[in-house]
C-alpha cells in the first residue's frame, strides 16, 4: 500500500472534491483519481461515491478513514523524531565510565558539551573494564572511557586522553607524611585496604612482590568512599588514582621508585558507524584540552 495513496484519500475526505484534493496534494486530478482507484482495488471496495460536484464517503471509506489517518499520523511522528535526532534534538548517548575514574577531569568536558549540544542527553553507566567492554560490543553503550593495565583488544579503537599517577592514601599523622613521593619499599609491613574494582590490582601486587614488599590486607570493598573513610580513620593505607574525588582529611602522595601511572582512554568499537549525537560527543572528547592545568588542589593534603 502506497503512503501517497493514503494521503490522497485523506485529502479527498477533507475537501470532498477530487479537483481541490489534487491541488492540495500538488498532483494532477487524473493522477489522484488513479491512485484512489488503486487504493480501492487493494482494499476490495469503493471508498467514495461521486455525484456531480459532490463526493461522499462510502461505509467502507468511513470505516477505513480513522485507520488511514492513524497511519499517516504515525509516519509523520516518525519523520519528526528522525529529524530531531539528526538535528541533535532530544538525542541520547550512553557513555560507559570506569568506576575508578574520578569526576574531576570530566566536569569541564561535560559542562562544555552541554553548552554546545543542549539537545543531547548523556547517560553515564559505571562499570569495571570487562563489563564495559561487553556493553560496548553488544551496543548497550555507545562509547567507554576507561583504562587497562593490559592492551585493549584489536576490535576496539582507542584514543588516549590523559595520564594520571597512582597515589598512596593514608591517615593524618601517619609516618608516610615525611615523603613528598613515596617509594614502594616504604610501605612494607603496612595494613592495606583493597579497592576491589581497581583494574591495576594485579599489576600493583606484582610490583610490590618484585621488590620484596609485603602488606597485609585488612579490608576490601567495592565502595571507594568506604575505603577512603577507613583509611582516614586509621585502618590502613591504599593506592588511589590521582584524580579521584578525595574525602576531606585524607593524606595523599604520589608513588615513586617506580612511578606508577595509567592512561585513561576513549574506547569505541572499530568500524561501527556513529549516530550524529555519538559523533558529536566523540568529537568533543577528542578535542577537549585534557593536557591543560586541571586543578589548583594541593594533592599533598586534602583537608
Protein backbone atom coordinates (compact mmCIF):
# COMPACT_ATOMS: atom_id res chain seq x y z
CA UNK A 1 0.00 0.00 0.00
CA UNK A 2 1.50 3.33 -1.12
CA UNK A 3 1.53 6.01 1.58
CA UNK A 4 0.87 8.64 -1.09
CA UNK A 5 -2.41 6.88 -1.91
CA UNK A 6 -3.37 7.16 1.75
CA UNK A 7 -2.53 10.86 1.75
CA UNK A 8 -4.63 11.43 -1.40
CA UNK A 9 -7.55 9.54 0.13
CA UNK A 10 -7.47 11.72 3.27
CA UNK A 11 -7.26 14.88 1.15
CA UNK A 12 -10.45 13.87 -0.70
CA UNK A 13 -12.10 13.12 2.63
CA UNK A 14 -11.26 16.63 3.80
CA UNK A 15 -12.17 18.55 0.63
CA UNK A 16 -14.94 16.26 -0.69
CA UNK A 17 -13.73 17.23 -4.14
CA UNK A 18 -11.18 15.46 -6.36
CA UNK A 19 -10.01 18.65 -8.06
CA UNK A 20 -9.34 20.53 -4.83
CA UNK A 21 -7.73 17.43 -3.29
CA UNK A 22 -5.37 17.18 -6.27
CA UNK A 23 -4.43 20.84 -5.89
CA UNK A 24 -3.79 20.35 -2.18
CA UNK A 25 -1.55 17.34 -2.84
CA UNK A 26 0.18 19.09 -5.75
CA UNK A 27 -0.67 16.38 -8.28
CA UNK A 28 -2.90 16.28 -11.34
CA UNK A 29 -6.51 15.20 -10.92
CA UNK A 30 -6.12 12.15 -13.21
CA UNK A 31 -3.12 11.01 -11.16
CA UNK A 32 -5.07 11.39 -7.93
CA UNK A 33 -8.08 9.58 -9.38
CA UNK A 34 -5.89 6.65 -10.49
CA UNK A 35 -4.31 6.48 -7.03
CA UNK A 36 -7.73 6.35 -5.35
CA UNK A 37 -8.84 3.61 -7.74
CA UNK A 38 -5.69 1.61 -6.98
CA UNK A 39 -6.37 2.02 -3.27
CA UNK A 40 -9.95 0.83 -3.76
CA UNK A 41 -8.63 -2.20 -5.66
CA UNK A 42 -6.30 -3.00 -2.75
CA UNK A 43 -8.99 -2.78 -0.06
CA UNK A 44 -11.55 -4.54 -2.24
CA UNK A 45 -14.35 -1.97 -2.40
CA UNK A 46 -15.39 1.59 -3.24
CA UNK A 47 -14.29 4.32 -0.88
CA UNK A 48 -16.20 7.22 -2.44
CA UNK A 49 -19.48 7.86 -4.26
CA UNK A 50 -19.08 10.54 -6.89
CA UNK A 51 -22.22 12.66 -7.53
CA UNK A 52 -21.57 15.61 -9.87
CA UNK A 53 -19.62 18.18 -7.83
CA UNK A 54 -20.10 16.33 -4.53
CA UNK A 55 -18.09 13.35 -3.29
CA UNK A 56 -19.33 11.21 -0.41
CA UNK A 57 -17.56 8.54 1.64
CA UNK A 58 -18.98 5.05 1.42
CA UNK A 59 -19.46 2.96 4.54
CA UNK A 60 -16.12 1.29 3.76
CA UNK A 61 -14.49 4.71 3.38
CA UNK A 62 -15.89 5.82 6.75
CA UNK A 63 -14.62 2.61 8.33
CA UNK A 64 -11.07 2.98 6.98
CA UNK A 65 -10.66 6.74 7.33
CA UNK A 66 -9.52 6.69 11.01
CA UNK A 67 -7.16 3.80 10.27
CA UNK A 68 -5.58 5.66 7.36
CA UNK A 69 -5.36 8.84 9.43
CA UNK A 70 -3.57 6.92 12.17
CA UNK A 71 -1.08 5.52 9.65
CA UNK A 72 -0.31 9.00 8.30
CA UNK A 73 -0.01 10.49 11.80
CA UNK A 74 2.35 7.71 12.87
CA UNK A 75 4.55 8.20 9.83
CA UNK A 76 4.60 11.95 10.43
CA UNK A 77 5.68 11.33 14.03
CA UNK A 78 8.46 9.01 12.87
CA UNK A 79 9.73 11.67 10.48
CA UNK A 80 9.66 14.32 13.18
CA UNK A 81 11.55 12.08 15.60
CA UNK A 82 14.14 11.29 12.95
CA UNK A 83 14.53 15.00 12.17
CA UNK A 84 15.05 15.87 15.83
CA UNK A 85 17.54 13.01 16.19
CA UNK A 86 19.54 14.01 13.12
CA UNK A 87 19.46 17.67 14.18
CA UNK A 88 20.78 16.66 17.65
CA UNK A 89 17.50 17.46 19.40
CA UNK A 90 16.23 15.01 22.03
CA UNK A 91 19.08 12.59 21.25
CA UNK A 92 20.68 10.21 23.75
CA UNK A 93 24.25 8.98 24.20
CA UNK A 94 25.18 6.20 26.63
CA UNK A 95 28.71 6.66 27.96
CA UNK A 96 30.42 3.90 29.91
CA UNK A 97 32.69 5.25 32.66
CA UNK A 98 35.13 3.04 34.51
CA UNK A 99 34.03 3.14 38.13
CA UNK A 100 37.50 4.05 39.45
CA UNK A 101 37.70 7.20 37.33
CA UNK A 102 37.05 10.32 39.38
CA UNK A 103 34.81 13.09 38.02
CA UNK A 104 37.30 15.93 38.48
CA UNK A 105 38.81 15.74 34.99
CA UNK A 106 35.41 15.38 33.32
CA UNK A 107 33.35 18.18 34.83
CA UNK A 108 34.75 20.75 32.40
CA UNK A 109 34.15 18.47 29.41
CA UNK A 110 30.54 17.77 30.42
CA UNK A 111 29.84 21.46 31.03
CA UNK A 112 31.31 22.42 27.65
CA UNK A 113 29.41 19.66 25.85
CA UNK A 114 26.10 20.62 27.48
CA UNK A 115 26.52 24.24 26.40
CA UNK A 116 27.24 23.25 22.79
CA UNK A 117 24.67 20.44 22.49
CA UNK A 118 21.76 21.12 24.81
CA UNK A 119 19.53 18.71 22.89
CA UNK A 120 21.73 15.68 23.66
CA UNK A 121 21.20 13.79 26.89
CA UNK A 122 24.16 11.86 28.28
CA UNK A 123 23.58 8.74 30.35
CA UNK A 124 26.65 7.68 32.34
CA UNK A 125 26.97 3.95 33.01
CA UNK A 126 29.57 2.87 35.58
CA UNK A 127 31.40 -0.43 35.44
CA UNK A 128 34.70 -2.30 35.51
CA UNK A 129 36.64 -2.57 32.21
CA UNK A 130 35.50 -6.15 31.45
CA UNK A 131 31.84 -5.23 31.90
CA UNK A 132 32.15 -2.01 29.91
CA UNK A 133 33.81 -3.94 27.08
CA UNK A 134 30.85 -6.33 26.98
CA UNK A 135 28.33 -3.47 26.94
CA UNK A 136 30.30 -1.71 24.22
CA UNK A 137 30.44 -4.77 21.99
CA UNK A 138 26.73 -5.51 22.42
CA UNK A 139 25.79 -1.90 21.62
CA UNK A 140 24.25 -1.25 25.04
CA UNK A 141 26.60 1.71 25.47
CA UNK A 142 27.91 3.92 22.67
CA UNK A 143 31.41 4.71 23.94
CA UNK A 144 33.51 3.93 27.00
CA UNK A 145 36.08 5.89 28.96
CA UNK A 146 38.40 3.54 30.77
CA UNK A 147 41.94 2.37 31.40
CA UNK A 148 43.59 -1.03 31.33
CA UNK A 149 46.80 -2.47 32.70
CA UNK A 150 46.94 -4.60 29.52
CA UNK A 151 46.49 -3.75 25.83
CA UNK A 152 42.94 -3.22 24.64
CA UNK A 153 41.61 -5.84 22.18
CA UNK A 154 42.06 -5.09 18.47
CA UNK A 155 38.28 -4.91 18.00
CA UNK A 156 38.35 -1.51 19.73
CA UNK A 157 39.51 1.90 18.56
CA UNK A 158 41.40 3.52 21.43
CA UNK A 159 42.19 7.22 21.81
CA UNK A 160 44.43 8.13 24.80
CA UNK A 161 43.06 11.14 26.72
CA UNK A 162 45.32 11.73 29.72
CA UNK A 163 47.71 10.02 32.12
CA UNK A 164 47.30 10.02 35.87
CA UNK A 165 49.64 8.85 38.58
CA UNK A 166 48.76 6.39 41.30
CA UNK A 167 48.91 7.91 44.76
CA UNK A 168 49.18 6.40 48.22
CA UNK A 169 46.45 7.47 50.60
CA UNK A 170 46.97 7.36 54.38
CA UNK A 171 45.54 8.99 57.55
CA UNK A 172 46.77 12.26 59.10
CA UNK A 173 49.85 11.87 61.26
CA UNK A 174 50.95 8.68 59.51
CA UNK A 175 54.71 8.07 59.16
CA UNK A 176 54.36 8.35 55.34
CA UNK A 177 53.74 12.09 55.76
CA UNK A 178 57.52 12.59 55.73
CA UNK A 179 57.70 11.77 51.99
CA UNK A 180 57.00 14.10 49.07
CA UNK A 181 56.83 10.99 46.89
CA UNK A 182 56.61 7.56 48.48
CA UNK A 183 58.90 4.76 47.28
CA UNK A 184 57.19 1.39 47.04
CA UNK A 185 59.64 -0.08 49.57
CA UNK A 186 58.37 2.36 52.22
CA UNK A 187 55.01 0.61 52.54
CA UNK A 188 56.49 -2.74 53.59
CA UNK A 189 54.57 -4.13 56.54
CA UNK A 190 51.63 -1.74 56.23
CA UNK A 191 47.98 -2.77 56.56
CA UNK A 192 46.38 -2.41 53.14
CA UNK A 193 42.73 -1.68 52.31
CA UNK A 194 41.88 -3.15 48.94
CA UNK A 195 39.75 -1.33 46.37
CA UNK A 196 38.08 -4.35 44.71
CA UNK A 197 37.38 -2.59 41.40
CA UNK A 198 40.95 -1.37 40.88
CA UNK A 199 41.97 -2.58 37.41
CA UNK A 200 45.66 -2.24 38.39
CA UNK A 201 45.42 -4.51 41.43
CA UNK A 202 47.35 -7.40 39.86
CA UNK A 203 49.97 -5.03 38.47
CA UNK A 204 50.46 -3.28 41.83
CA UNK A 205 50.61 -6.62 43.66
CA UNK A 206 53.28 -7.93 41.28
CA UNK A 207 55.21 -4.67 41.63
CA UNK A 208 55.27 -4.96 45.43
CA UNK A 209 56.35 -8.61 45.29
CA UNK A 210 59.13 -7.79 42.83
CA UNK A 211 60.82 -5.51 45.39
CA UNK A 212 60.09 -7.73 48.39
CA UNK A 213 57.31 -5.55 49.82
CA UNK A 214 54.67 -7.35 51.88
CA UNK A 215 51.42 -5.80 53.07
CA UNK A 216 48.51 -7.29 54.98
CA UNK A 217 45.04 -6.87 53.52
CA UNK A 218 42.71 -5.96 56.34
CA UNK A 219 39.55 -4.91 54.48
CA UNK A 220 38.32 -4.88 50.89
CA UNK A 221 35.34 -3.13 49.37
CA UNK A 222 33.80 -2.13 46.03
CA UNK A 223 32.88 1.21 47.57
CA UNK A 224 35.58 3.84 47.03
CA UNK A 225 34.05 6.09 49.71
CA UNK A 226 34.13 3.29 52.30
CA UNK A 227 37.79 2.55 51.60
CA UNK A 228 38.72 6.24 51.83
CA UNK A 229 36.81 6.70 55.08
CA UNK A 230 38.51 3.65 56.60
CA UNK A 231 41.91 4.98 55.52
CA UNK A 232 41.14 8.39 57.01
CA UNK A 233 40.06 6.59 60.19
CA UNK A 234 43.49 4.98 60.57
CA UNK A 235 42.61 1.43 59.48
CA UNK A 236 45.28 1.21 56.78
CA UNK A 237 46.57 2.66 53.50
CA UNK A 238 45.60 2.23 49.85
CA UNK A 239 46.56 3.12 46.29
CA UNK A 240 44.17 5.54 44.57
CA UNK A 241 44.27 7.26 41.15
CA UNK A 242 45.48 10.85 41.16
CA UNK A 243 42.21 12.46 40.06
CA UNK A 244 39.92 10.55 42.39
CA UNK A 245 37.39 12.52 44.41
CA UNK A 246 39.05 12.51 47.81
CA UNK A 247 37.29 12.92 51.15
CA UNK A 248 38.43 15.78 53.45
CA UNK A 249 41.37 14.97 55.70
CA UNK A 250 42.82 12.17 53.57
CA UNK A 251 46.58 12.45 53.01
CA UNK A 252 47.93 11.54 49.56
CA UNK A 253 51.37 11.36 47.95
CA UNK A 254 52.48 10.09 44.52
CA UNK A 255 54.07 6.66 44.27
CA UNK A 256 57.76 6.70 43.36
CA UNK A 257 60.60 4.31 42.61
CA UNK A 258 58.95 3.38 40.35
CA UNK A 259 56.25 5.89 39.45
CA UNK A 260 53.00 4.13 38.54
CA UNK A 261 50.65 5.71 36.01
CA UNK A 262 47.62 4.71 33.99
CA UNK A 263 46.35 6.04 30.68
CA UNK A 264 42.65 6.89 30.53
CA UNK A 265 41.28 6.35 27.02
CA UNK A 266 38.20 6.88 24.89
CA UNK A 267 37.20 3.45 23.57
CA UNK A 268 34.80 2.71 20.68
CA UNK A 269 34.09 -0.33 18.53
CA UNK A 270 36.27 -0.34 15.41
CA UNK A 271 34.28 0.18 12.22
CA UNK A 272 30.97 0.93 13.95
CA UNK A 273 29.19 3.95 12.50
CA UNK A 274 28.27 6.73 14.91
CA UNK A 275 24.91 8.41 15.15
CA UNK A 276 25.12 12.23 14.86
CA UNK A 277 24.82 12.56 18.64
CA UNK A 278 27.55 10.00 19.36
CA UNK A 279 29.78 11.60 16.71
CA UNK A 280 29.30 14.98 18.41
CA UNK A 281 30.29 13.54 21.80
CA UNK A 282 33.30 11.66 20.43
CA UNK A 283 34.45 14.83 18.67
CA UNK A 284 34.10 16.85 21.87
CA UNK A 285 36.06 14.30 23.91
CA UNK A 286 38.90 14.16 21.38
CA UNK A 287 39.17 17.94 21.04
CA UNK A 288 38.93 18.73 24.75
CA UNK A 289 42.05 20.22 26.36
CA UNK A 290 42.99 17.28 28.56
CA UNK A 291 46.60 18.38 28.89
CA UNK A 292 45.65 21.81 30.27
CA UNK A 293 46.07 22.51 34.01
CA UNK A 294 43.11 20.87 35.65
CA UNK A 295 43.05 21.93 39.26
CA UNK A 296 44.65 24.11 41.85
CA UNK A 297 44.13 21.48 44.56
CA UNK A 298 47.19 20.55 46.60
CA UNK A 299 47.34 16.76 46.31
CA UNK A 300 49.69 16.52 49.31
CA UNK A 301 46.87 17.19 51.72
CA UNK A 302 43.12 17.32 51.21
CA UNK A 303 41.66 18.95 54.32
